[in-house]
Amino acid sequence: MVTPGVSGAVITVILGVYDKMINALTNLFNDFKKNITFLMILGIGILIGAVWFSNVIMFLYNKHEVITKFAFIGLIVGGVPFLFKEVKLKKQKISYSVIIFTFFISLTLWFFSKLLFKIDLDANTSSNIMNFIYLFLAGIIYSVGKVIPGISSSFLLIMIGMYEYVLSVMAHPITVGLKQINKLIPFMMGLIVGIIVLLKLIKFLLERNYGLVYSVIIGFVLGSIPVLIPSLELSPNLIIGIFIMISSFILSYKLTK
């Protein structure tokens, strides 16, 4: 959730809860007790990760970037076979041309990220309405990585200059909420609207063409790997990182087998 290049939705796919999450959110009242129990457990994990583990992950990312990146590469690569298996279980076909296309889209987005627009919340804008629109838009953009596997919310926020602000919200939600409620409300509104719209769209597409949707997902997942590759200068961190990557790969593969 807080590491640039890593999609939270990818982790839900790799751990086999993505479809369940989509169904629970879009069919909440069909089996309310079962769905709300599942979502509450998932929500508690998200809160713990956002409030507490964000500080741990960012510490590791800042102090041991090479090792941390290799760990995430191992986790992601180890889960890729599961994605292919999911499509086969549904008796659908993988589109390798779509995988290649979305793979290059993912790389292109990263390559041209510095050329995209940025939102500066510290700048003195001429209108509070514009600030509201910027924050609402940022919430919608953030929701993309929460719903579409392979697209990192953190990466998207970096592109629009909102990463540090959202990270501070997740690390200190009460403090930020009390002091900057005027900024938090439009952001949360955009996040909720984005998630609702995207969930409906993803569910619709999965029901119509499961194989094609997962081909797109696989392409974005694979496209998120190259942007995580750290500097390959020979050092103890590189050796440890490779060992951690192999261990993470085995762990991820075993969890999803």
C-alpha atoms as a PDB file:
ATOM      1  CA  MET A   1       0.000   0.000   0.000  1.00  0.00           C
ATOM      2  CA  VAL A   2       2.898   2.395   0.666  1.00  0.00           C
ATOM      3  CA  THR A   3       5.738   1.086  -1.498  1.00  0.00           C
ATOM      4  CA  PRO A   4       6.046   2.718  -4.946  1.00  0.00           C
ATOM      5  CA  GLY A   5       5.806   0.150  -7.733  1.00  0.00           C
ATOM      6  CA  VAL A   6       3.868  -2.399  -5.696  1.00  0.00           C
ATOM      7  CA  SER A   7       0.122  -2.657  -6.234  1.00  0.00           C
ATOM      8  CA  GLY A   8      -2.031  -3.554  -3.254  1.00  0.00           C
ATOM      9  CA  ALA A   9      -4.488  -5.190  -5.626  1.00  0.00           C
ATOM     10  CA  VAL A  10      -1.685  -7.447  -6.932  1.00  0.00           C
ATOM     11  CA  ILE A  11      -1.197  -8.794  -3.421  1.00  0.00           C
ATOM     12  CA  THR A  12      -4.917  -9.598  -3.139  1.00  0.00           C
ATOM     13  CA  VAL A  13      -4.752 -11.396  -6.490  1.00  0.00           C
ATOM     14  CA  ILE A  14      -1.644 -13.339  -5.502  1.00  0.00           C
ATOM     15  CA  LEU A  15      -3.208 -14.379  -2.176  1.00  0.00           C
ATOM     16  CA  GLY A  16      -6.396 -15.463  -3.935  1.00  0.00           C
ATOM     17  CA  VAL A  17      -8.815 -12.965  -2.366  1.00  0.00           C
ATOM     18  CA  TYR A  18      -9.255 -10.494  -5.260  1.00  0.00           C
ATOM     19  CA  ASP A  19     -12.390 -12.071  -6.745  1.00  0.00           C
ATOM     20  CA  LYS A  20     -13.843 -12.564  -3.259  1.00  0.00           C
ATOM     21  CA  MET A  21     -13.201  -8.903  -2.452  1.00  0.00           C
ATOM     22  CA  ILE A  22     -14.890  -7.722  -5.659  1.00  0.00           C
ATOM     23  CA  ASN A  23     -17.912  -9.978  -5.088  1.00  0.00           C
ATOM     24  CA  ALA A  24     -18.242  -9.038  -1.417  1.00  0.00           C
ATOM     25  CA  LEU A  25     -18.201  -5.317  -2.165  1.00  0.00           C
ATOM     26  CA  THR A  26     -20.524  -5.435  -5.176  1.00  0.00           C
ATOM     27  CA  ASN A  27     -22.974  -7.957  -3.645  1.00  0.00           C
ATOM     28  CA  LEU A  28     -22.809  -6.837  -0.022  1.00  0.00           C
ATOM     29  CA  PHE A  29     -26.470  -7.444   0.838  1.00  0.00           C
ATOM     30  CA  ASN A  30     -26.903 -10.753  -1.009  1.00  0.00           C
ATOM     31  CA  ASP A  31     -25.159 -12.611   1.818  1.00  0.00           C
ATOM     32  CA  PHE A  32     -24.643  -9.759   4.250  1.00  0.00           C
ATOM     33  CA  LYS A  33     -23.263 -11.680   7.247  1.00  0.00           C
ATOM     34  CA  LYS A  34     -20.674 -13.577   5.212  1.00  0.00           C
ATOM     35  CA  ASN A  35     -19.637 -10.563   3.138  1.00  0.00           C
ATOM     36  CA  ILE A  36     -19.426  -8.099   6.023  1.00  0.00           C
ATOM     37  CA  THR A  37     -17.365 -10.568   8.105  1.00  0.00           C
ATOM     38  CA  PHE A  38     -14.925 -11.045   5.225  1.00  0.00           C
ATOM     39  CA  LEU A  39     -14.669  -7.288   4.590  1.00  0.00           C
ATOM     40  CA  MET A  40     -14.215  -6.494   8.297  1.00  0.00           C
ATOM     41  CA  ILE A  41     -11.262  -8.898   8.561  1.00  0.00           C
ATOM     42  CA  LEU A  42      -9.799  -7.465   5.360  1.00  0.00           C
ATOM     43  CA  GLY A  43     -10.438  -3.922   6.605  1.00  0.00           C
ATOM     44  CA  ILE A  44      -8.675  -4.556   9.922  1.00  0.00           C
ATOM     45  CA  GLY A  45      -5.632  -5.796   8.021  1.00  0.00           C
ATOM     46  CA  ILE A  46      -5.693  -2.695   5.812  1.00  0.00           C
ATOM     47  CA  LEU A  47      -5.900  -0.378   8.836  1.00  0.00           C
ATOM     48  CA  ILE A  48      -3.032  -2.128  10.606  1.00  0.00           C
ATOM     49  CA  GLY A  49      -0.965  -1.958   7.429  1.00  0.00           C
ATOM     50  CA  ALA A  50      -1.800   1.691   6.776  1.00  0.00           C
ATOM     51  CA  VAL A  51      -1.366   3.047  10.303  1.00  0.00           C
ATOM     52  CA  TRP A  52       1.395   0.898  11.781  1.00  0.00           C
ATOM     53  CA  PHE A  53       3.156  -1.079   9.058  1.00  0.00           C
ATOM     54  CA  SER A  54       3.498   1.937   6.764  1.00  0.00           C
ATOM     55  CA  ASN A  55       6.143   3.280   9.142  1.00  0.00           C
ATOM     56  CA  VAL A  56       7.982  -0.052   9.156  1.00  0.00           C
ATOM     57  CA  ILE A  57       7.879  -0.458   5.382  1.00  0.00           C
ATOM     58  CA  MET A  58       8.995   3.098   4.736  1.00  0.00           C
ATOM     59  CA  PHE A  59      11.868   2.645   7.219  1.00  0.00           C
ATOM     60  CA  LEU A  60      12.996  -0.482   5.374  1.00  0.00           C
ATOM     61  CA  TYR A  61      12.454   1.178   2.007  1.00  0.00           C
ATOM     62  CA  ASN A  62      14.511   4.242   2.971  1.00  0.00           C
ATOM     63  CA  LYS A  63      17.276   2.465   4.918  1.00  0.00           C
ATOM     64  CA  HIS A  64      17.472  -0.830   2.986  1.00  0.00           C
ATOM     65  CA  GLU A  65      15.998   0.022  -0.411  1.00  0.00           C
ATOM     66  CA  VAL A  66      17.856  -2.661  -2.400  1.00  0.00           C
ATOM     67  CA  ILE A  67      16.885  -5.515  -0.077  1.00  0.00           C
ATOM     68  CA  THR A  68      13.270  -4.329   0.214  1.00  0.00           C
ATOM     69  CA  LYS A  69      12.847  -4.014  -3.558  1.00  0.00           C
ATOM     70  CA  PHE A  70      14.252  -7.508  -4.121  1.00  0.00           C
ATOM     71  CA  ALA A  71      11.822  -8.859  -1.508  1.00  0.00           C
ATOM     72  CA  PHE A  72       8.860  -7.365  -3.356  1.00  0.00           C
ATOM     73  CA  ILE A  73      10.152  -8.610  -6.713  1.00  0.00           C
ATOM     74  CA  GLY A  74      10.292 -12.135  -5.292  1.00  0.00           C
ATOM     75  CA  LEU A  75       6.764 -11.882  -3.879  1.00  0.00           C
ATOM     76  CA  ILE A  76       5.331 -10.615  -7.163  1.00  0.00           C
ATOM     77  CA  VAL A  77       7.147 -13.059  -9.474  1.00  0.00           C
ATOM     78  CA  GLY A  78       6.269 -15.980  -7.192  1.00  0.00           C
ATOM     79  CA  GLY A  79       2.583 -15.151  -7.564  1.00  0.00           C
ATOM     80  CA  VAL A  80       2.533 -14.897 -11.372  1.00  0.00           C
ATOM     81  CA  PRO A  81       2.002 -18.668 -11.957  1.00  0.00           C
ATOM     82  CA  PHE A  82      -1.113 -18.394  -9.787  1.00  0.00           C
ATOM     83  CA  LEU A  83      -2.604 -15.834 -12.187  1.00  0.00           C
ATOM     84  CA  PHE A  84      -2.207 -18.196 -15.154  1.00  0.00           C
ATOM     85  CA  LYS A  85      -3.660 -21.025 -13.070  1.00  0.00           C
ATOM     86  CA  GLU A  86      -6.719 -18.918 -12.185  1.00  0.00           C
ATOM     87  CA  VAL A  87      -7.523 -18.407 -15.870  1.00  0.00           C
ATOM     88  CA  LYS A  88      -7.143 -22.119 -16.641  1.00  0.00           C
ATOM     89  CA  LEU A  89      -9.443 -23.048 -13.735  1.00  0.00           C
ATOM     90  CA  LYS A  90     -12.125 -20.844 -15.302  1.00  0.00           C
ATOM     91  CA  LYS A  91     -11.503 -22.613 -18.636  1.00  0.00           C
ATOM     92  CA  GLN A  92     -10.584 -19.303 -20.249  1.00  0.00           C
ATOM     93  CA  LYS A  93      -7.768 -18.421 -22.640  1.00  0.00           C
ATOM     94  CA  ILE A  94      -4.819 -16.146 -21.954  1.00  0.00           C
ATOM     95  CA  SER A  95      -4.167 -13.427 -24.556  1.00  0.00           C
ATOM     96  CA  TYR A  96      -0.384 -13.090 -24.773  1.00  0.00           C
ATOM     97  CA  SER A  97      -0.660 -10.128 -27.129  1.00  0.00           C
ATOM     98  CA  VAL A  98      -2.712  -8.286 -24.481  1.00  0.00           C
ATOM     99  CA  ILE A  99      -0.130  -9.208 -21.816  1.00  0.00           C
ATOM    100  CA  ILE A 100       2.678  -7.740 -23.940  1.00  0.00           C
ATOM    101  CA  PHE A 101       0.631  -4.623 -24.726  1.00  0.00           C
ATOM    102  CA  THR A 102      -0.271  -3.852 -21.092  1.00  0.00           C
ATOM    103  CA  PHE A 103       3.285  -4.699 -20.009  1.00  0.00           C
ATOM    104  CA  PHE A 104       4.625  -1.923 -22.231  1.00  0.00           C
ATOM    105  CA  ILE A 105       1.838   0.443 -21.140  1.00  0.00           C
ATOM    106  CA  SER A 106       2.963  -0.044 -17.533  1.00  0.00           C
ATOM    107  CA  LEU A 107       6.578   0.681 -18.444  1.00  0.00           C
ATOM    108  CA  THR A 108       5.576   3.705 -20.522  1.00  0.00           C
ATOM    109  CA  LEU A 109       3.575   5.185 -17.639  1.00  0.00           C
ATOM    110  CA  TRP A 110       6.603   4.879 -15.372  1.00  0.00           C
ATOM    111  CA  PHE A 111       9.010   6.277 -17.992  1.00  0.00           C
ATOM    112  CA  PHE A 112       6.915   9.368 -18.665  1.00  0.00           C
ATOM    113  CA  SER A 113       5.793   9.897 -15.068  1.00  0.00           C
ATOM    114  CA  LYS A 114       7.881  13.053 -14.658  1.00  0.00           C
ATOM    115  CA  LEU A 115       6.133  14.646 -17.635  1.00  0.00           C
ATOM    116  CA  LEU A 116       2.672  14.257 -16.117  1.00  0.00           C
ATOM    117  CA  PHE A 117       0.909  16.955 -14.148  1.00  0.00           C
ATOM    118  CA  LYS A 118       1.571  17.442 -10.452  1.00  0.00           C
ATOM    119  CA  ILE A 119      -0.647  18.712  -7.690  1.00  0.00           C
ATOM    120  CA  ASP A 120       1.021  21.112  -5.253  1.00  0.00           C
ATOM    121  CA  LEU A 121      -1.062  21.406  -2.082  1.00  0.00           C
ATOM    122  CA  ASP A 122       1.395  23.854  -0.542  1.00  0.00           C
ATOM    123  CA  ALA A 123       0.968  26.345  -3.349  1.00  0.00           C
ATOM    124  CA  ASN A 124      -1.352  29.280  -2.806  1.00  0.00           C
ATOM    125  CA  THR A 125      -4.183  28.491  -5.208  1.00  0.00           C
ATOM    126  CA  SER A 126      -6.639  31.201  -6.118  1.00  0.00           C
ATOM    127  CA  SER A 127      -9.665  29.104  -5.268  1.00  0.00           C
ATOM    128  CA  ASN A 128     -10.680  26.642  -2.553  1.00  0.00           C
ATOM    129  CA  ILE A 129     -12.829  24.989  -5.212  1.00  0.00           C
ATOM    130  CA  MET A 130      -9.685  24.116  -7.202  1.00  0.00           C
ATOM    131  CA  ASN A 131      -8.094  22.583  -4.089  1.00  0.00           C
ATOM    132  CA  PHE A 132     -11.250  20.497  -3.579  1.00  0.00           C
ATOM    133  CA  ILE A 133     -11.170  19.341  -7.217  1.00  0.00           C
ATOM    134  CA  TYR A 134      -7.443  18.461  -7.037  1.00  0.00           C
ATOM    135  CA  LEU A 135      -7.917  16.419  -3.850  1.00  0.00           C
ATOM    136  CA  PHE A 136     -11.055  14.715  -5.169  1.00  0.00           C
ATOM    137  CA  LEU A 137      -9.138  13.821  -8.350  1.00  0.00           C
ATOM    138  CA  ALA A 138      -6.228  12.517  -6.267  1.00  0.00           C
ATOM    139  CA  GLY A 139      -8.646  10.243  -4.370  1.00  0.00           C
ATOM    140  CA  ILE A 140     -10.014   8.812  -7.621  1.00  0.00           C
ATOM    141  CA  ILE A 141      -6.486   8.249  -8.951  1.00  0.00           C
ATOM    142  CA  TYR A 142      -5.490   6.539  -5.687  1.00  0.00           C
ATOM    143  CA  SER A 143      -8.482   4.201  -5.978  1.00  0.00           C
ATOM    144  CA  VAL A 144      -7.158   2.871  -9.313  1.00  0.00           C
ATOM    145  CA  GLY A 145      -4.268   1.054  -7.627  1.00  0.00           C
ATOM    146  CA  LYS A 146      -6.572  -0.271  -4.921  1.00  0.00           C
ATOM    147  CA  VAL A 147      -8.857  -1.965  -7.465  1.00  0.00           C
ATOM    148  CA  ILE A 148      -6.810  -2.694 -10.600  1.00  0.00           C
ATOM    149  CA  PRO A 149      -3.995  -5.216  -9.974  1.00  0.00           C
ATOM    150  CA  GLY A 150      -0.569  -4.260 -11.296  1.00  0.00           C
ATOM    151  CA  ILE A 151      -1.081  -0.525 -10.935  1.00  0.00           C
ATOM    152  CA  SER A 152       0.547   0.948  -7.838  1.00  0.00           C
ATOM    153  CA  SER A 153      -1.420   3.648  -6.006  1.00  0.00           C
ATOM    154  CA  SER A 154       1.813   4.937  -4.506  1.00  0.00           C
ATOM    155  CA  PHE A 155       3.345   5.185  -7.964  1.00  0.00           C
ATOM    156  CA  LEU A 156       0.334   7.127  -9.272  1.00  0.00           C
ATOM    157  CA  LEU A 157       0.462   9.483  -6.288  1.00  0.00           C
ATOM    158  CA  ILE A 158       4.149  10.139  -6.902  1.00  0.00           C
ATOM    159  CA  MET A 159       3.293  11.139 -10.464  1.00  0.00           C
ATOM    160  CA  ILE A 160       0.835  13.792  -9.276  1.00  0.00           C
ATOM    161  CA  GLY A 161       2.870  14.945  -6.265  1.00  0.00           C
ATOM    162  CA  MET A 162       0.521  13.531  -3.600  1.00  0.00           C
ATOM    163  CA  TYR A 163       2.545  10.587  -2.264  1.00  0.00           C
ATOM    164  CA  GLU A 164       4.047  12.226   0.847  1.00  0.00           C
ATOM    165  CA  TYR A 165       0.719  13.762   1.865  1.00  0.00           C
ATOM    166  CA  VAL A 166      -1.222  10.483   1.623  1.00  0.00           C
ATOM    167  CA  LEU A 167       1.576   8.612   3.415  1.00  0.00           C
ATOM    168  CA  SER A 168       1.377  11.120   6.281  1.00  0.00           C
ATOM    169  CA  VAL A 169      -2.390  10.558   6.435  1.00  0.00           C
ATOM    170  CA  MET A 170      -1.955   6.780   6.673  1.00  0.00           C
ATOM    171  CA  ALA A 171       0.815   7.044   9.293  1.00  0.00           C
ATOM    172  CA  HIS A 172      -0.990   9.643  11.438  1.00  0.00           C
ATOM    173  CA  PRO A 173      -4.712   9.556  10.492  1.00  0.00           C
ATOM    174  CA  ILE A 174      -6.063  11.194  13.669  1.00  0.00           C
ATOM    175  CA  THR A 175      -3.554  14.057  13.739  1.00  0.00           C
ATOM    176  CA  VAL A 176      -3.924  14.815  10.043  1.00  0.00           C
ATOM    177  CA  GLY A 177      -7.686  14.396  10.208  1.00  0.00           C
ATOM    178  CA  LEU A 178      -8.039  16.960  12.989  1.00  0.00           C
ATOM    179  CA  LYS A 179      -5.660  19.512  11.478  1.00  0.00           C
ATOM    180  CA  GLN A 180      -6.458  19.082   7.775  1.00  0.00           C
ATOM    181  CA  ILE A 181     -10.052  17.868   7.670  1.00  0.00           C
ATOM    182  CA  ASN A 182     -10.743  20.239   4.764  1.00  0.00           C
ATOM    183  CA  LYS A 183      -8.160  18.328   2.705  1.00  0.00           C
ATOM    184  CA  LEU A 184      -9.030  14.855   3.954  1.00  0.00           C
ATOM    185  CA  ILE A 185     -12.766  14.974   3.145  1.00  0.00           C
ATOM    186  CA  PRO A 186     -12.504  15.633  -0.629  1.00  0.00           C
ATOM    187  CA  PHE A 187      -9.708  13.068  -0.936  1.00  0.00           C
ATOM    188  CA  MET A 188     -11.790  10.390   0.815  1.00  0.00           C
ATOM    189  CA  MET A 189     -14.814  11.306  -1.313  1.00  0.00           C
ATOM    190  CA  GLY A 190     -12.773  10.796  -4.488  1.00  0.00           C
ATOM    191  CA  LEU A 191     -11.403   7.504  -3.136  1.00  0.00           C
ATOM    192  CA  ILE A 192     -14.885   6.147  -2.355  1.00  0.00           C
ATOM    193  CA  VAL A 193     -16.376   7.252  -5.681  1.00  0.00           C
ATOM    194  CA  GLY A 194     -13.431   5.797  -7.595  1.00  0.00           C
ATOM    195  CA  ILE A 195     -13.633   2.444  -5.818  1.00  0.00           C
ATOM    196  CA  ILE A 196     -17.409   2.114  -6.335  1.00  0.00           C
ATOM    197  CA  VAL A 197     -17.218   2.918 -10.054  1.00  0.00           C
ATOM    198  CA  LEU A 198     -14.155   0.762 -10.712  1.00  0.00           C
ATOM    199  CA  LEU A 199     -15.535  -2.208  -8.747  1.00  0.00           C
ATOM    200  CA  LYS A 200     -18.679  -2.218 -10.857  1.00  0.00           C
ATOM    201  CA  LEU A 201     -16.621  -1.953 -14.032  1.00  0.00           C
ATOM    202  CA  ILE A 202     -14.180  -4.734 -13.055  1.00  0.00           C
ATOM    203  CA  LYS A 203     -17.026  -7.056 -11.994  1.00  0.00           C
ATOM    204  CA  PHE A 204     -18.811  -6.419 -15.294  1.00  0.00           C
ATOM    205  CA  LEU A 205     -15.658  -7.146 -17.308  1.00  0.00           C
ATOM    206  CA  LEU A 206     -14.796 -10.287 -15.308  1.00  0.00           C
ATOM    207  CA  GLU A 207     -18.263 -11.685 -15.970  1.00  0.00           C
ATOM    208  CA  ARG A 208     -17.991 -10.920 -19.706  1.00  0.00           C
ATOM    209  CA  ASN A 209     -14.410 -11.997 -20.451  1.00  0.00           C
ATOM    210  CA  TYR A 210     -12.466 -13.398 -17.492  1.00  0.00           C
ATOM    211  CA  GLY A 211      -9.475 -14.459 -19.591  1.00  0.00           C
ATOM    212  CA  LEU A 212      -9.038 -11.063 -21.236  1.00  0.00           C
ATOM    213  CA  VAL A 213      -9.284  -9.173 -17.942  1.00  0.00           C
ATOM    214  CA  TYR A 214      -6.694 -11.419 -16.312  1.00  0.00           C
ATOM    215  CA  SER A 215      -4.439 -11.042 -19.368  1.00  0.00           C
ATOM    216  CA  VAL A 216      -4.537  -7.276 -18.770  1.00  0.00           C
ATOM    217  CA  ILE A 217      -3.849  -7.838 -15.055  1.00  0.00           C
ATOM    218  CA  ILE A 218      -0.887 -10.143 -15.772  1.00  0.00           C
ATOM    219  CA  GLY A 219       0.578  -7.555 -18.161  1.00  0.00           C
ATOM    220  CA  PHE A 220       0.399  -4.816 -15.536  1.00  0.00           C
ATOM    221  CA  VAL A 221       1.782  -7.137 -12.850  1.00  0.00           C
ATOM    222  CA  LEU A 222       4.782  -8.036 -15.007  1.00  0.00           C
ATOM    223  CA  GLY A 223       5.191  -4.378 -15.964  1.00  0.00           C
ATOM    224  CA  SER A 224       5.506  -3.418 -12.298  1.00  0.00           C
ATOM    225  CA  ILE A 225       8.574  -5.637 -11.842  1.00  0.00           C
ATOM    226  CA  PRO A 226      11.202  -3.756 -13.934  1.00  0.00           C
ATOM    227  CA  VAL A 227      10.508  -0.457 -12.148  1.00  0.00           C
ATOM    228  CA  LEU A 228      11.381  -2.157  -8.836  1.00  0.00           C
ATOM    229  CA  ILE A 229      14.801  -3.409  -9.966  1.00  0.00           C
ATOM    230  CA  PRO A 230      17.376  -1.531  -7.826  1.00  0.00           C
ATOM    231  CA  SER A 231      20.974  -0.633  -8.629  1.00  0.00           C
ATOM    232  CA  LEU A 232      22.930  -3.819  -9.337  1.00  0.00           C
ATOM    233  CA  GLU A 233      26.282  -2.623  -7.999  1.00  0.00           C
ATOM    234  CA  LEU A 234      28.142  -5.450  -6.277  1.00  0.00           C
ATOM    235  CA  SER A 235      27.682  -5.030  -2.534  1.00  0.00           C
ATOM    236  CA  PRO A 236      26.601  -6.988   0.542  1.00  0.00           C
ATOM    237  CA  ASN A 237      23.099  -5.544   0.116  1.00  0.00           C
ATOM    238  CA  LEU A 238      22.919  -6.952  -3.415  1.00  0.00           C
ATOM    239  CA  ILE A 239      23.888 -10.440  -2.247  1.00  0.00           C
ATOM    240  CA  ILE A 240      21.450 -10.299   0.693  1.00  0.00           C
ATOM    241  CA  GLY A 241      18.782  -8.875  -1.608  1.00  0.00           C
ATOM    242  CA  ILE A 242      19.103 -11.740  -4.091  1.00  0.00           C
ATOM    243  CA  PHE A 243      18.858 -14.262  -1.245  1.00  0.00           C
ATOM    244  CA  ILE A 244      15.776 -12.458   0.118  1.00  0.00           C
ATOM    245  CA  MET A 245      14.254 -12.356  -3.381  1.00  0.00           C
ATOM    246  CA  ILE A 246      14.630 -16.124  -3.794  1.00  0.00           C
ATOM    247  CA  SER A 247      13.149 -16.700  -0.321  1.00  0.00           C
ATOM    248  CA  SER A 248      10.250 -14.337  -1.088  1.00  0.00           C
ATOM    249  CA  PHE A 249       9.655 -16.086  -4.408  1.00  0.00           C
ATOM    250  CA  ILE A 250       9.439 -19.493  -2.716  1.00  0.00           C
ATOM    251  CA  LEU A 251       7.152 -18.125   0.004  1.00  0.00           C
ATOM    252  CA  SER A 252       4.808 -16.465  -2.488  1.00  0.00           C
ATOM    253  CA  TYR A 253       4.758 -19.513  -4.779  1.00  0.00           C
ATOM    254  CA  LYS A 254       3.988 -21.876  -1.887  1.00  0.00           C
ATOM    255  CA  LEU A 255       1.226 -19.615  -0.553  1.00  0.00           C
ATOM    256  CA  THR A 256      -0.493 -19.464  -3.943  1.00  0.00           C
ATOM    257  CA  LYS A 257       0.154 -23.018  -5.154  1.00  0.00           C
END
